[in-house]
């Protein structure tokens, strides 16, 4: 498969208590017209303390750099919510803090890797 188009969807920073997460998302289209989100993570330590996924061995071993997931209605929503500001995410996350909710979104995305 050959990539025929790449669109930058998002580039931004999400703050966690001890780390900042730089996120870059590109939508790539292949020659068979299938589309995939390429989600790249770069974790930047701000101060001493736990990494948000320190106790999640699967995540730290396999998903720290990001994911490639097929584009569909479900993954569109995951990407939309992942890229919301904390203020926007607080409005839709129920009683869960936006930072914790975003962490759960990141973990959920790992279940859809392609």
C-alpha atoms as a PDB file:
ATOM      1  CA  UNK A   1       0.000   0.000   0.000  1.00  0.00           C
ATOM      2  CA  UNK A   2       1.195   3.461  -0.891  1.00  0.00           C
ATOM      3  CA  UNK A   3       0.255   6.651   0.961  1.00  0.00           C
ATOM      4  CA  UNK A   4      -1.250   9.109  -1.518  1.00  0.00           C
ATOM      5  CA  UNK A   5      -2.255  11.941   0.836  1.00  0.00           C
ATOM      6  CA  UNK A   6      -1.383  13.244   4.306  1.00  0.00           C
ATOM      7  CA  UNK A   7      -3.363  15.886   6.189  1.00  0.00           C
ATOM      8  CA  UNK A   8      -2.241  17.355   9.504  1.00  0.00           C
ATOM      9  CA  UNK A   9      -5.250  17.089  11.816  1.00  0.00           C
ATOM     10  CA  UNK A  10      -3.834  18.340  15.106  1.00  0.00           C
ATOM     11  CA  UNK A  11      -0.653  19.416  16.807  1.00  0.00           C
ATOM     12  CA  UNK A  12      -0.795  20.444  20.444  1.00  0.00           C
ATOM     13  CA  UNK A  13       0.121  19.839  24.058  1.00  0.00           C
ATOM     14  CA  UNK A  14      -1.917  18.214  26.809  1.00  0.00           C
ATOM     15  CA  UNK A  15      -0.798  18.808  30.385  1.00  0.00           C
ATOM     16  CA  UNK A  16      -0.617  16.015  32.935  1.00  0.00           C
ATOM     17  CA  UNK A  17       0.528  16.653  36.528  1.00  0.00           C
ATOM     18  CA  UNK A  18       4.181  15.646  35.975  1.00  0.00           C
ATOM     19  CA  UNK A  19       4.393  15.464  32.174  1.00  0.00           C
ATOM     20  CA  UNK A  20       3.332  17.354  29.094  1.00  0.00           C
ATOM     21  CA  UNK A  21       2.139  15.242  26.196  1.00  0.00           C
ATOM     22  CA  UNK A  22       2.900  16.597  22.731  1.00  0.00           C
ATOM     23  CA  UNK A  23       0.393  15.117  20.296  1.00  0.00           C
ATOM     24  CA  UNK A  24       0.622  15.194  16.507  1.00  0.00           C
ATOM     25  CA  UNK A  25      -2.165  13.616  14.458  1.00  0.00           C
ATOM     26  CA  UNK A  26      -2.023  13.089  10.715  1.00  0.00           C
ATOM     27  CA  UNK A  27      -4.679  11.524   8.522  1.00  0.00           C
ATOM     28  CA  UNK A  28      -3.114   9.408   5.799  1.00  0.00           C
ATOM     29  CA  UNK A  29      -4.941   8.052   2.771  1.00  0.00           C
ATOM     30  CA  UNK A  30      -3.659   4.975   0.976  1.00  0.00           C
ATOM     31  CA  UNK A  31      -3.972   4.114  -2.693  1.00  0.00           C
ATOM     32  CA  UNK A  32      -6.874   1.761  -1.890  1.00  0.00           C
ATOM     33  CA  UNK A  33      -8.706   4.825  -0.413  1.00  0.00           C
ATOM     34  CA  UNK A  34      -8.510   3.544   3.183  1.00  0.00           C
ATOM     35  CA  UNK A  35      -7.687   6.225   5.742  1.00  0.00           C
ATOM     36  CA  UNK A  36      -5.730   5.950   8.969  1.00  0.00           C
ATOM     37  CA  UNK A  37      -4.981   8.277  11.848  1.00  0.00           C
ATOM     38  CA  UNK A  38      -1.293   8.399  12.716  1.00  0.00           C
ATOM     39  CA  UNK A  39      -1.204   9.585  16.329  1.00  0.00           C
ATOM     40  CA  UNK A  40       2.265  10.454  17.628  1.00  0.00           C
ATOM     41  CA  UNK A  41       3.009  11.045  21.310  1.00  0.00           C
ATOM     42  CA  UNK A  42       6.078  12.714  22.805  1.00  0.00           C
ATOM     43  CA  UNK A  43       6.142  12.769  26.604  1.00  0.00           C
ATOM     44  CA  UNK A  44       8.075  15.632  28.241  1.00  0.00           C
ATOM     45  CA  UNK A  45       8.829  15.365  31.950  1.00  0.00           C
ATOM     46  CA  UNK A  46       8.044  18.615  33.817  1.00  0.00           C
ATOM     47  CA  UNK A  47       8.914  17.547  37.345  1.00  0.00           C
ATOM     48  CA  UNK A  48       9.633  14.466  39.425  1.00  0.00           C
ATOM     49  CA  UNK A  49       6.712  12.164  39.934  1.00  0.00           C
ATOM     50  CA  UNK A  50       4.801   9.356  38.315  1.00  0.00           C
ATOM     51  CA  UNK A  51       4.203   9.086  34.587  1.00  0.00           C
ATOM     52  CA  UNK A  52       0.442   8.873  33.883  1.00  0.00           C
ATOM     53  CA  UNK A  53       0.903   5.300  32.600  1.00  0.00           C
ATOM     54  CA  UNK A  54       3.777   4.238  34.858  1.00  0.00           C
ATOM     55  CA  UNK A  55       1.848   1.296  36.280  1.00  0.00           C
ATOM     56  CA  UNK A  56       0.494   0.164  32.895  1.00  0.00           C
ATOM     57  CA  UNK A  57       3.223  -2.150  31.592  1.00  0.00           C
ATOM     58  CA  UNK A  58       1.455  -2.842  28.281  1.00  0.00           C
ATOM     59  CA  UNK A  59       1.157   0.877  27.569  1.00  0.00           C
ATOM     60  CA  UNK A  60       4.732   1.732  28.540  1.00  0.00           C
ATOM     61  CA  UNK A  61       6.123  -1.188  26.531  1.00  0.00           C
ATOM     62  CA  UNK A  62       3.972  -0.861  23.413  1.00  0.00           C
ATOM     63  CA  UNK A  63       2.094   2.429  23.110  1.00  0.00           C
ATOM     64  CA  UNK A  64       4.228   5.308  24.473  1.00  0.00           C
ATOM     65  CA  UNK A  65       5.027   6.656  20.985  1.00  0.00           C
ATOM     66  CA  UNK A  66       1.451   6.649  19.708  1.00  0.00           C
ATOM     67  CA  UNK A  67      -0.850   4.615  17.510  1.00  0.00           C
ATOM     68  CA  UNK A  68      -2.024   4.020  13.978  1.00  0.00           C
ATOM     69  CA  UNK A  69      -5.783   3.479  13.861  1.00  0.00           C
ATOM     70  CA  UNK A  70      -8.266   3.095  11.015  1.00  0.00           C
ATOM     71  CA  UNK A  71     -10.498   6.115  10.437  1.00  0.00           C
ATOM     72  CA  UNK A  72     -14.171   5.455  11.115  1.00  0.00           C
ATOM     73  CA  UNK A  73     -17.019   7.083  13.060  1.00  0.00           C
ATOM     74  CA  UNK A  74     -15.799   5.740  16.396  1.00  0.00           C
ATOM     75  CA  UNK A  75     -12.155   6.726  15.943  1.00  0.00           C
ATOM     76  CA  UNK A  76     -13.276  10.143  14.636  1.00  0.00           C
ATOM     77  CA  UNK A  77     -14.916  10.745  18.031  1.00  0.00           C
ATOM     78  CA  UNK A  78     -11.903   9.439  19.959  1.00  0.00           C
ATOM     79  CA  UNK A  79      -9.647  11.841  18.053  1.00  0.00           C
ATOM     80  CA  UNK A  80     -12.130  14.693  18.531  1.00  0.00           C
ATOM     81  CA  UNK A  81     -12.261  14.147  22.297  1.00  0.00           C
ATOM     82  CA  UNK A  82      -8.503  13.576  22.574  1.00  0.00           C
ATOM     83  CA  UNK A  83      -7.834  16.971  21.014  1.00  0.00           C
ATOM     84  CA  UNK A  84     -10.372  18.969  23.044  1.00  0.00           C
ATOM     85  CA  UNK A  85      -9.120  21.559  25.516  1.00  0.00           C
ATOM     86  CA  UNK A  86      -9.475  20.672  29.194  1.00  0.00           C
ATOM     87  CA  UNK A  87     -12.325  23.189  29.429  1.00  0.00           C
ATOM     88  CA  UNK A  88     -14.223  21.566  26.535  1.00  0.00           C
ATOM     89  CA  UNK A  89     -13.504  18.053  27.800  1.00  0.00           C
ATOM     90  CA  UNK A  90     -14.733  18.951  31.308  1.00  0.00           C
ATOM     91  CA  UNK A  91     -18.136  19.776  29.774  1.00  0.00           C
ATOM     92  CA  UNK A  92     -18.569  16.253  28.346  1.00  0.00           C
ATOM     93  CA  UNK A  93     -16.674  14.034  30.798  1.00  0.00           C
ATOM     94  CA  UNK A  94     -19.320  13.785  33.495  1.00  0.00           C
ATOM     95  CA  UNK A  95     -17.887  13.769  37.011  1.00  0.00           C
ATOM     96  CA  UNK A  96     -14.407  12.687  35.839  1.00  0.00           C
ATOM     97  CA  UNK A  97     -11.631  15.292  35.677  1.00  0.00           C
ATOM     98  CA  UNK A  98     -10.601  16.185  32.097  1.00  0.00           C
ATOM     99  CA  UNK A  99      -7.010  15.011  32.638  1.00  0.00           C
ATOM    100  CA  UNK A 100      -8.142  11.580  33.859  1.00  0.00           C
ATOM    101  CA  UNK A 101     -10.736  11.359  31.074  1.00  0.00           C
ATOM    102  CA  UNK A 102      -8.067  12.136  28.459  1.00  0.00           C
ATOM    103  CA  UNK A 103      -5.864   9.421  29.955  1.00  0.00           C
ATOM    104  CA  UNK A 104      -8.753   6.967  29.516  1.00  0.00           C
ATOM    105  CA  UNK A 105      -9.209   8.094  25.901  1.00  0.00           C
ATOM    106  CA  UNK A 106      -5.503   7.502  25.237  1.00  0.00           C
ATOM    107  CA  UNK A 107      -5.777   4.029  26.771  1.00  0.00           C
ATOM    108  CA  UNK A 108      -8.926   3.309  24.726  1.00  0.00           C
ATOM    109  CA  UNK A 109      -7.160   4.262  21.504  1.00  0.00           C
ATOM    110  CA  UNK A 110      -4.585   1.524  22.165  1.00  0.00           C
ATOM    111  CA  UNK A 111      -7.355  -1.049  21.740  1.00  0.00           C
ATOM    112  CA  UNK A 112      -7.896   0.037  18.122  1.00  0.00           C
ATOM    113  CA  UNK A 113      -4.304  -0.052  16.825  1.00  0.00           C
ATOM    114  CA  UNK A 114      -3.950  -1.311  13.289  1.00  0.00           C
END
